[in-house]
N, C-alpha and C. Protein backbone atom coordinates (compact mmCIF):
# COMPACT_ATOMS: atom_id res chain seq x y z
N MET A 1 -18.88 -60.16 -36.88
CA MET A 1 -20.10 -60.59 -37.54
C MET A 1 -19.79 -61.39 -38.80
N ARG A 2 -18.79 -60.95 -39.53
CA ARG A 2 -18.41 -61.64 -40.76
C ARG A 2 -17.93 -63.06 -40.45
N ASN A 3 -17.15 -63.22 -39.35
CA ASN A 3 -16.68 -64.54 -38.96
C ASN A 3 -17.83 -65.45 -38.56
N LEU A 4 -18.84 -64.90 -37.88
CA LEU A 4 -20.00 -65.67 -37.48
C LEU A 4 -20.77 -66.17 -38.70
N LEU A 5 -20.96 -65.30 -39.69
CA LEU A 5 -21.66 -65.68 -40.91
C LEU A 5 -20.88 -66.77 -41.65
N PHE A 6 -19.55 -66.61 -41.72
CA PHE A 6 -18.71 -67.61 -42.38
C PHE A 6 -18.81 -68.95 -41.65
N THR A 7 -18.78 -68.90 -40.32
CA THR A 7 -18.87 -70.12 -39.52
C THR A 7 -20.17 -70.86 -39.81
N TRP A 8 -21.28 -70.15 -39.87
CA TRP A 8 -22.57 -70.78 -40.15
C TRP A 8 -22.63 -71.33 -41.56
N LYS A 9 -22.01 -70.64 -42.52
CA LYS A 9 -22.00 -71.14 -43.90
C LYS A 9 -21.23 -72.46 -44.00
N VAL A 10 -20.23 -72.62 -43.17
CA VAL A 10 -19.44 -73.85 -43.18
C VAL A 10 -20.08 -74.90 -42.28
N LEU A 11 -20.55 -74.49 -41.11
CA LEU A 11 -21.06 -75.42 -40.11
C LEU A 11 -22.41 -76.03 -40.50
N LEU A 12 -23.32 -75.25 -41.04
CA LEU A 12 -24.66 -75.74 -41.36
C LEU A 12 -24.63 -76.90 -42.35
N PRO A 13 -23.92 -76.80 -43.47
CA PRO A 13 -23.88 -77.97 -44.37
C PRO A 13 -23.28 -79.20 -43.70
N CYS A 14 -22.30 -79.02 -42.84
CA CYS A 14 -21.70 -80.16 -42.13
C CYS A 14 -22.72 -80.82 -41.20
N LEU A 15 -23.49 -80.00 -40.50
CA LEU A 15 -24.52 -80.54 -39.60
C LEU A 15 -25.59 -81.29 -40.39
N LEU A 16 -26.01 -80.73 -41.51
CA LEU A 16 -27.02 -81.39 -42.33
C LEU A 16 -26.49 -82.70 -42.89
N LEU A 17 -25.26 -82.71 -43.33
CA LEU A 17 -24.65 -83.94 -43.84
C LEU A 17 -24.56 -84.99 -42.75
N ALA A 18 -24.19 -84.59 -41.56
CA ALA A 18 -24.10 -85.54 -40.44
C ALA A 18 -25.48 -86.11 -40.11
N ALA A 19 -26.51 -85.27 -40.14
CA ALA A 19 -27.87 -85.74 -39.86
C ALA A 19 -28.31 -86.75 -40.90
N CYS A 20 -28.02 -86.48 -42.16
CA CYS A 20 -28.40 -87.41 -43.22
C CYS A 20 -27.63 -88.72 -43.12
N SER A 21 -26.36 -88.65 -42.78
CA SER A 21 -25.58 -89.88 -42.70
C SER A 21 -26.02 -90.72 -41.51
N GLY A 22 -26.58 -90.12 -40.47
CA GLY A 22 -27.07 -90.88 -39.33
C GLY A 22 -28.26 -91.73 -39.70
N TYR A 23 -29.12 -91.23 -40.58
CA TYR A 23 -30.27 -92.00 -41.04
C TYR A 23 -29.82 -92.99 -42.11
N ALA A 24 -29.12 -92.49 -43.08
CA ALA A 24 -28.41 -93.24 -44.12
C ALA A 24 -29.06 -94.53 -44.57
N PRO A 25 -30.16 -94.47 -45.31
CA PRO A 25 -30.65 -95.72 -45.90
C PRO A 25 -29.51 -96.34 -46.72
N PRO A 26 -29.23 -97.61 -46.51
CA PRO A 26 -27.99 -98.17 -47.04
C PRO A 26 -28.04 -98.57 -48.51
N ASP A 27 -28.46 -97.67 -49.38
CA ASP A 27 -28.50 -97.97 -50.81
C ASP A 27 -27.12 -98.34 -51.34
N ALA A 28 -26.10 -97.64 -50.89
CA ALA A 28 -24.77 -97.83 -51.47
C ALA A 28 -23.80 -98.50 -50.51
N VAL A 29 -24.28 -99.28 -49.55
CA VAL A 29 -23.36 -99.88 -48.59
C VAL A 29 -22.82 -101.24 -49.02
N ILE A 30 -23.40 -101.83 -50.06
CA ILE A 30 -22.93 -103.14 -50.51
C ILE A 30 -21.44 -103.05 -50.83
N GLY A 31 -20.66 -103.95 -50.24
CA GLY A 31 -19.22 -103.97 -50.45
C GLY A 31 -18.43 -103.17 -49.44
N MET A 32 -19.12 -102.33 -48.64
CA MET A 32 -18.41 -101.55 -47.62
C MET A 32 -17.93 -102.47 -46.51
N SER A 33 -16.90 -102.02 -45.82
CA SER A 33 -16.42 -102.75 -44.64
C SER A 33 -17.32 -102.42 -43.45
N ARG A 34 -17.20 -103.19 -42.40
CA ARG A 34 -17.96 -102.94 -41.17
C ARG A 34 -17.67 -101.54 -40.64
N ASP A 35 -16.40 -101.15 -40.61
CA ASP A 35 -16.04 -99.82 -40.12
C ASP A 35 -16.66 -98.70 -40.95
N GLU A 36 -16.70 -98.88 -42.26
CA GLU A 36 -17.30 -97.87 -43.14
C GLU A 36 -18.80 -97.74 -42.86
N VAL A 37 -19.47 -98.88 -42.65
CA VAL A 37 -20.91 -98.86 -42.35
C VAL A 37 -21.16 -98.16 -41.02
N LEU A 38 -20.36 -98.49 -40.01
CA LEU A 38 -20.53 -97.86 -38.70
C LEU A 38 -20.25 -96.37 -38.77
N LEU A 39 -19.29 -95.97 -39.56
CA LEU A 39 -19.00 -94.55 -39.74
C LEU A 39 -20.18 -93.84 -40.39
N ARG A 40 -20.81 -94.51 -41.33
CA ARG A 40 -21.93 -93.90 -42.05
C ARG A 40 -23.24 -93.95 -41.26
N MET A 41 -23.48 -95.06 -40.55
CA MET A 41 -24.78 -95.27 -39.93
C MET A 41 -24.78 -95.21 -38.41
N GLY A 42 -23.63 -95.18 -37.79
CA GLY A 42 -23.56 -95.17 -36.33
C GLY A 42 -23.59 -96.58 -35.79
N GLN A 43 -23.72 -96.69 -34.48
CA GLN A 43 -23.73 -98.01 -33.83
C GLN A 43 -25.07 -98.71 -34.07
N PRO A 44 -25.05 -100.00 -34.33
CA PRO A 44 -26.31 -100.73 -34.51
C PRO A 44 -27.01 -100.94 -33.18
N ASP A 45 -28.32 -101.13 -33.24
CA ASP A 45 -29.10 -101.43 -32.04
C ASP A 45 -28.80 -102.84 -31.56
N LEU A 46 -28.53 -103.73 -32.50
CA LEU A 46 -28.28 -105.12 -32.16
C LEU A 46 -27.37 -105.72 -33.22
N GLU A 47 -26.48 -106.58 -32.76
CA GLU A 47 -25.63 -107.35 -33.67
C GLU A 47 -25.88 -108.82 -33.38
N SER A 48 -26.17 -109.59 -34.41
CA SER A 48 -26.42 -111.01 -34.19
C SER A 48 -25.73 -111.82 -35.28
N HIS A 49 -25.49 -113.10 -34.97
CA HIS A 49 -24.86 -113.99 -35.92
C HIS A 49 -25.94 -114.83 -36.57
N VAL A 50 -26.08 -114.65 -37.88
CA VAL A 50 -27.05 -115.40 -38.67
C VAL A 50 -26.19 -116.22 -39.63
N SER A 51 -25.83 -117.40 -39.21
CA SER A 51 -24.82 -118.21 -39.88
C SER A 51 -25.03 -118.22 -41.40
N PRO A 52 -24.01 -117.96 -42.16
CA PRO A 52 -22.63 -117.70 -41.80
C PRO A 52 -22.32 -116.20 -41.70
N GLN A 53 -23.33 -115.37 -41.63
CA GLN A 53 -23.13 -113.92 -41.66
C GLN A 53 -23.36 -113.28 -40.29
N VAL A 54 -22.96 -112.01 -40.21
CA VAL A 54 -23.26 -111.17 -39.06
C VAL A 54 -24.30 -110.16 -39.52
N ARG A 55 -25.33 -109.95 -38.69
CA ARG A 55 -26.39 -108.99 -39.05
C ARG A 55 -26.36 -107.82 -38.08
N LEU A 56 -26.34 -106.62 -38.64
CA LEU A 56 -26.42 -105.39 -37.86
C LEU A 56 -27.82 -104.82 -38.05
N GLU A 57 -28.44 -104.43 -36.93
CA GLU A 57 -29.82 -103.92 -36.96
C GLU A 57 -29.81 -102.42 -36.67
N PHE A 58 -30.40 -101.65 -37.59
CA PHE A 58 -30.44 -100.19 -37.46
C PHE A 58 -31.88 -99.69 -37.53
N PRO A 59 -32.58 -99.52 -36.39
CA PRO A 59 -33.90 -98.88 -36.43
C PRO A 59 -33.70 -97.41 -36.79
N ARG A 60 -34.52 -96.88 -37.69
CA ARG A 60 -34.33 -95.52 -38.19
C ARG A 60 -35.65 -94.82 -38.46
N GLY A 61 -35.52 -93.55 -38.72
CA GLY A 61 -36.61 -92.75 -39.26
C GLY A 61 -37.48 -92.12 -38.22
N PRO A 62 -38.28 -91.17 -38.66
CA PRO A 62 -39.22 -90.51 -37.75
C PRO A 62 -40.18 -91.54 -37.16
N ALA A 63 -40.22 -91.59 -35.87
CA ALA A 63 -41.10 -92.51 -35.13
C ALA A 63 -40.81 -93.97 -35.47
N GLY A 64 -39.58 -94.27 -35.90
CA GLY A 64 -39.18 -95.64 -36.13
C GLY A 64 -39.86 -96.33 -37.30
N ARG A 65 -40.05 -95.66 -38.41
CA ARG A 65 -40.77 -96.24 -39.55
C ARG A 65 -39.91 -97.14 -40.43
N HIS A 66 -38.64 -97.24 -40.16
CA HIS A 66 -37.74 -98.08 -40.95
C HIS A 66 -36.80 -98.82 -40.01
N THR A 67 -36.52 -100.05 -40.34
CA THR A 67 -35.46 -100.81 -39.67
C THR A 67 -34.65 -101.49 -40.76
N TRP A 68 -33.37 -101.17 -40.78
CA TRP A 68 -32.47 -101.74 -41.78
C TRP A 68 -31.68 -102.88 -41.15
N PHE A 69 -31.65 -104.02 -41.83
CA PHE A 69 -30.77 -105.12 -41.49
C PHE A 69 -29.64 -105.09 -42.51
N VAL A 70 -28.42 -105.00 -42.02
CA VAL A 70 -27.23 -104.98 -42.86
C VAL A 70 -26.44 -106.25 -42.56
N TYR A 71 -26.18 -107.05 -43.59
CA TYR A 71 -25.51 -108.33 -43.43
C TYR A 71 -24.05 -108.23 -43.86
N LEU A 72 -23.15 -108.75 -43.01
CA LEU A 72 -21.72 -108.78 -43.31
C LEU A 72 -21.31 -110.22 -43.60
N ASP A 73 -20.54 -110.40 -44.66
CA ASP A 73 -20.07 -111.74 -45.00
C ASP A 73 -18.88 -112.13 -44.12
N GLY A 74 -18.28 -113.28 -44.37
CA GLY A 74 -17.17 -113.79 -43.58
C GLY A 74 -15.94 -112.90 -43.60
N LYS A 75 -15.83 -112.04 -44.61
CA LYS A 75 -14.70 -111.12 -44.72
C LYS A 75 -14.99 -109.75 -44.10
N GLY A 76 -16.19 -109.60 -43.51
CA GLY A 76 -16.55 -108.33 -42.88
C GLY A 76 -17.03 -107.27 -43.86
N LYS A 77 -17.44 -107.69 -45.06
CA LYS A 77 -17.96 -106.76 -46.07
C LYS A 77 -19.48 -106.91 -46.16
N VAL A 78 -20.15 -105.81 -46.47
CA VAL A 78 -21.61 -105.85 -46.59
C VAL A 78 -22.00 -106.65 -47.83
N SER A 79 -22.80 -107.68 -47.62
CA SER A 79 -23.28 -108.50 -48.73
C SER A 79 -24.72 -108.18 -49.09
N ARG A 80 -25.46 -107.63 -48.12
CA ARG A 80 -26.89 -107.36 -48.36
C ARG A 80 -27.38 -106.37 -47.33
N ALA A 81 -28.37 -105.56 -47.72
CA ALA A 81 -29.03 -104.62 -46.80
C ALA A 81 -30.50 -104.57 -47.17
N GLU A 82 -31.36 -104.62 -46.16
CA GLU A 82 -32.79 -104.58 -46.46
C GLU A 82 -33.56 -103.84 -45.37
N GLN A 83 -34.62 -103.17 -45.81
CA GLN A 83 -35.56 -102.51 -44.90
C GLN A 83 -36.62 -103.55 -44.59
N VAL A 84 -36.80 -103.92 -43.31
CA VAL A 84 -37.61 -105.08 -42.95
C VAL A 84 -39.03 -104.75 -42.50
N LEU A 85 -39.35 -103.49 -42.25
CA LEU A 85 -40.70 -103.16 -41.82
C LEU A 85 -41.59 -102.99 -43.05
N THR A 86 -42.02 -104.14 -43.57
CA THR A 86 -42.84 -104.18 -44.79
C THR A 86 -44.05 -105.06 -44.57
N GLU A 87 -45.10 -104.85 -45.33
CA GLU A 87 -46.29 -105.68 -45.22
C GLU A 87 -45.98 -107.12 -45.60
N LYS A 88 -45.04 -107.32 -46.50
CA LYS A 88 -44.63 -108.69 -46.87
C LYS A 88 -44.10 -109.42 -45.63
N ASN A 89 -43.23 -108.77 -44.87
CA ASN A 89 -42.69 -109.40 -43.65
C ASN A 89 -43.77 -109.53 -42.58
N PHE A 90 -44.66 -108.55 -42.47
CA PHE A 90 -45.74 -108.64 -41.48
C PHE A 90 -46.60 -109.87 -41.75
N SER A 91 -46.81 -110.19 -43.04
CA SER A 91 -47.67 -111.34 -43.38
C SER A 91 -47.04 -112.67 -42.94
N LEU A 92 -45.77 -112.67 -42.62
CA LEU A 92 -45.09 -113.90 -42.18
C LEU A 92 -45.27 -114.18 -40.69
N ILE A 93 -45.82 -113.22 -39.95
CA ILE A 93 -46.03 -113.40 -38.51
C ILE A 93 -47.30 -114.21 -38.29
N ASN A 94 -47.16 -115.34 -37.59
CA ASN A 94 -48.28 -116.25 -37.37
C ASN A 94 -48.40 -116.62 -35.89
N PRO A 95 -49.62 -116.98 -35.46
CA PRO A 95 -49.78 -117.45 -34.08
C PRO A 95 -48.83 -118.61 -33.79
N ASP A 96 -48.38 -118.66 -32.56
CA ASP A 96 -47.45 -119.67 -32.03
C ASP A 96 -45.99 -119.43 -32.40
N MET A 97 -45.69 -118.40 -33.21
CA MET A 97 -44.28 -118.04 -33.38
C MET A 97 -43.78 -117.53 -32.05
N THR A 98 -42.49 -117.62 -31.83
CA THR A 98 -41.94 -117.12 -30.58
C THR A 98 -41.60 -115.63 -30.71
N GLN A 99 -41.48 -115.02 -29.56
CA GLN A 99 -41.07 -113.61 -29.51
C GLN A 99 -39.71 -113.44 -30.20
N ALA A 100 -38.80 -114.39 -30.00
CA ALA A 100 -37.48 -114.33 -30.63
C ALA A 100 -37.59 -114.41 -32.15
N GLN A 101 -38.51 -115.20 -32.67
CA GLN A 101 -38.69 -115.29 -34.12
C GLN A 101 -39.21 -113.98 -34.69
N VAL A 102 -40.11 -113.31 -33.96
CA VAL A 102 -40.62 -112.01 -34.41
C VAL A 102 -39.48 -111.00 -34.43
N ARG A 103 -38.70 -110.98 -33.37
CA ARG A 103 -37.56 -110.05 -33.30
C ARG A 103 -36.57 -110.33 -34.44
N GLN A 104 -36.36 -111.60 -34.75
CA GLN A 104 -35.44 -111.98 -35.83
C GLN A 104 -35.94 -111.49 -37.19
N LEU A 105 -37.24 -111.44 -37.37
CA LEU A 105 -37.83 -111.05 -38.66
C LEU A 105 -38.04 -109.54 -38.79
N LEU A 106 -38.47 -108.88 -37.69
CA LEU A 106 -38.85 -107.46 -37.77
C LEU A 106 -37.95 -106.52 -36.97
N GLY A 107 -37.12 -107.05 -36.10
CA GLY A 107 -36.29 -106.18 -35.27
C GLY A 107 -37.04 -105.68 -34.06
N ARG A 108 -36.49 -104.65 -33.46
CA ARG A 108 -37.05 -104.07 -32.23
C ARG A 108 -38.36 -103.34 -32.54
N PRO A 109 -39.38 -103.51 -31.69
CA PRO A 109 -40.63 -102.77 -31.91
C PRO A 109 -40.47 -101.29 -31.60
N SER A 110 -41.35 -100.47 -32.20
CA SER A 110 -41.35 -99.02 -31.94
C SER A 110 -41.86 -98.72 -30.54
N ALA A 111 -42.83 -99.51 -30.10
CA ALA A 111 -43.43 -99.31 -28.78
C ALA A 111 -43.91 -100.65 -28.25
N VAL A 112 -43.91 -100.79 -26.92
CA VAL A 112 -44.38 -102.01 -26.27
C VAL A 112 -45.43 -101.60 -25.25
N GLN A 113 -46.56 -102.33 -25.24
CA GLN A 113 -47.63 -102.07 -24.28
C GLN A 113 -47.93 -103.35 -23.52
N GLY A 114 -48.11 -103.23 -22.22
CA GLY A 114 -48.52 -104.38 -21.42
C GLY A 114 -50.02 -104.57 -21.54
N LEU A 115 -50.47 -105.81 -21.45
CA LEU A 115 -51.90 -106.11 -21.49
C LEU A 115 -52.45 -106.17 -20.07
N ALA A 116 -53.72 -105.87 -19.93
CA ALA A 116 -54.38 -105.88 -18.63
C ALA A 116 -54.31 -107.28 -18.01
N ARG A 117 -54.34 -107.32 -16.71
CA ARG A 117 -54.31 -108.56 -15.93
C ARG A 117 -53.11 -109.43 -16.27
N GLU A 118 -52.01 -108.76 -16.63
CA GLU A 118 -50.75 -109.44 -16.91
C GLU A 118 -50.92 -110.62 -17.87
N ARG A 119 -51.60 -110.35 -18.98
CA ARG A 119 -51.84 -111.40 -19.98
C ARG A 119 -50.78 -111.44 -21.07
N GLY A 120 -49.79 -110.57 -20.98
CA GLY A 120 -48.76 -110.53 -22.01
C GLY A 120 -48.48 -109.10 -22.42
N MET A 121 -48.10 -108.93 -23.68
CA MET A 121 -47.78 -107.59 -24.17
C MET A 121 -48.07 -107.49 -25.65
N VAL A 122 -48.07 -106.24 -26.13
CA VAL A 122 -48.26 -105.97 -27.56
C VAL A 122 -47.04 -105.21 -28.06
N TRP A 123 -46.43 -105.74 -29.11
CA TRP A 123 -45.34 -105.05 -29.78
C TRP A 123 -45.93 -104.28 -30.96
N ASN A 124 -45.58 -103.01 -31.05
CA ASN A 124 -46.09 -102.14 -32.11
C ASN A 124 -44.96 -101.75 -33.04
N TYR A 125 -45.22 -101.83 -34.34
CA TYR A 125 -44.24 -101.47 -35.36
C TYR A 125 -44.82 -100.39 -36.27
N ARG A 126 -44.22 -99.22 -36.21
CA ARG A 126 -44.59 -98.17 -37.17
C ARG A 126 -43.91 -98.54 -38.49
N TYR A 127 -44.54 -98.18 -39.58
CA TYR A 127 -43.94 -98.46 -40.88
C TYR A 127 -44.47 -97.47 -41.89
N GLU A 128 -43.82 -97.40 -43.02
CA GLU A 128 -44.19 -96.46 -44.08
C GLU A 128 -45.48 -96.95 -44.74
N ASN A 129 -46.56 -96.15 -44.64
CA ASN A 129 -47.82 -96.49 -45.30
C ASN A 129 -48.63 -95.22 -45.55
N ASN A 130 -49.66 -95.33 -46.37
CA ASN A 130 -50.47 -94.17 -46.73
C ASN A 130 -51.62 -93.93 -45.75
N SER A 131 -51.80 -94.79 -44.79
CA SER A 131 -52.83 -94.65 -43.77
C SER A 131 -52.14 -94.48 -42.43
N CYS A 132 -52.90 -94.10 -41.45
CA CYS A 132 -52.33 -93.97 -40.11
C CYS A 132 -52.49 -95.32 -39.42
N LEU A 133 -51.55 -96.24 -39.73
CA LEU A 133 -51.60 -97.59 -39.18
C LEU A 133 -50.23 -97.98 -38.64
N TRP A 134 -50.25 -98.92 -37.73
CA TRP A 134 -49.03 -99.62 -37.35
C TRP A 134 -49.36 -101.10 -37.25
N PHE A 135 -48.33 -101.92 -37.27
CA PHE A 135 -48.52 -103.36 -37.18
C PHE A 135 -48.33 -103.75 -35.73
N GLN A 136 -49.23 -104.61 -35.23
CA GLN A 136 -49.20 -104.99 -33.82
C GLN A 136 -49.11 -106.51 -33.68
N VAL A 137 -48.28 -106.93 -32.73
CA VAL A 137 -48.11 -108.36 -32.44
C VAL A 137 -48.43 -108.56 -30.96
N GLU A 138 -49.45 -109.36 -30.68
CA GLU A 138 -49.82 -109.66 -29.30
C GLU A 138 -49.06 -110.91 -28.86
N LEU A 139 -48.31 -110.79 -27.77
CA LEU A 139 -47.51 -111.89 -27.24
C LEU A 139 -48.06 -112.35 -25.90
N SER A 140 -48.12 -113.65 -25.71
CA SER A 140 -48.60 -114.22 -24.45
C SER A 140 -47.50 -114.15 -23.40
N LEU A 141 -47.84 -114.51 -22.17
CA LEU A 141 -46.83 -114.59 -21.11
C LEU A 141 -45.76 -115.62 -21.42
N GLU A 142 -46.10 -116.59 -22.26
CA GLU A 142 -45.13 -117.62 -22.67
C GLU A 142 -44.26 -117.14 -23.83
N GLN A 143 -44.39 -115.87 -24.17
CA GLN A 143 -43.62 -115.22 -25.24
C GLN A 143 -43.87 -115.86 -26.60
N GLN A 144 -45.15 -116.16 -26.85
CA GLN A 144 -45.56 -116.66 -28.15
C GLN A 144 -46.62 -115.74 -28.74
N VAL A 145 -46.64 -115.66 -30.08
CA VAL A 145 -47.61 -114.80 -30.75
C VAL A 145 -49.00 -115.37 -30.54
N ARG A 146 -49.88 -114.53 -30.03
CA ARG A 146 -51.28 -114.89 -29.86
C ARG A 146 -52.07 -114.42 -31.08
N SER A 147 -51.77 -113.20 -31.53
CA SER A 147 -52.43 -112.65 -32.72
C SER A 147 -51.56 -111.53 -33.28
N ALA A 148 -51.86 -111.13 -34.51
CA ALA A 148 -51.13 -110.03 -35.16
C ALA A 148 -52.06 -109.37 -36.16
N GLY A 149 -51.89 -108.08 -36.34
CA GLY A 149 -52.71 -107.34 -37.29
C GLY A 149 -52.39 -105.86 -37.25
N TYR A 150 -53.21 -105.10 -37.94
CA TYR A 150 -52.99 -103.66 -38.07
C TYR A 150 -53.92 -102.90 -37.12
N GLY A 151 -53.42 -101.80 -36.59
CA GLY A 151 -54.22 -100.97 -35.70
C GLY A 151 -53.84 -99.51 -35.87
N GLU A 152 -54.55 -98.66 -35.15
CA GLU A 152 -54.28 -97.22 -35.17
C GLU A 152 -53.37 -96.84 -34.02
N PRO A 153 -52.27 -96.14 -34.31
CA PRO A 153 -51.44 -95.65 -33.21
C PRO A 153 -52.17 -94.54 -32.45
N PRO A 154 -51.77 -94.25 -31.23
CA PRO A 154 -52.48 -93.28 -30.39
C PRO A 154 -52.62 -91.90 -31.04
N GLU A 155 -51.64 -91.46 -31.79
CA GLU A 155 -51.72 -90.12 -32.38
C GLU A 155 -52.81 -90.02 -33.45
N CYS A 156 -53.36 -91.15 -33.89
CA CYS A 156 -54.41 -91.13 -34.92
C CYS A 156 -55.80 -91.30 -34.32
N GLN A 157 -55.86 -91.59 -33.05
CA GLN A 157 -57.16 -91.79 -32.40
C GLN A 157 -57.63 -90.47 -31.81
N PHE A 158 -58.81 -90.07 -32.22
CA PHE A 158 -59.37 -88.81 -31.74
C PHE A 158 -60.57 -89.10 -30.86
N PRO A 159 -60.73 -88.33 -29.77
CA PRO A 159 -61.89 -88.56 -28.91
C PRO A 159 -63.19 -88.25 -29.67
N ASN A 160 -64.24 -89.00 -29.31
CA ASN A 160 -65.54 -88.75 -29.95
C ASN A 160 -66.02 -87.35 -29.63
N ASP A 161 -66.59 -86.71 -30.61
CA ASP A 161 -67.16 -85.35 -30.42
C ASP A 161 -68.54 -85.52 -29.81
N ARG A 162 -68.71 -85.10 -28.58
CA ARG A 162 -69.98 -85.29 -27.85
C ARG A 162 -70.74 -83.98 -27.71
N SER A 163 -70.69 -83.14 -28.69
CA SER A 163 -71.40 -81.86 -28.57
C SER A 163 -72.83 -81.94 -28.93
């Protein structure tokens, strides 16, 4: 019994530390090497070349409320890190932008819904806010933005009380 208690006293803090490092908002990653970032944050969802840098994309948080873009310079060191799911970035989404441009600005959506009669799809982005909202981007079959705005995610919609 004593060994079991000792094991939990040692194991629990390690598990908690590992869980925190997996989310790891990159406040202190500037100057880290690529390997150090991957050790701290895990594998990125996407790696892309944004000349002259490499960008690593890390969707994070409960229900995907944060997406971190971590930029590596030519020497493989972190030069910049930013959380991109912000109202400022949402305001940059305009009709006729391409699906690729939206992905470049906001990263992977939290959820994707098809539109009726195969008219396209809606990309949904959860983000940190004081209301129960998410940002939605409607894409046409030609993979261009048709419209964008804020909506209620399904967990916030309650059936009408018909009593």
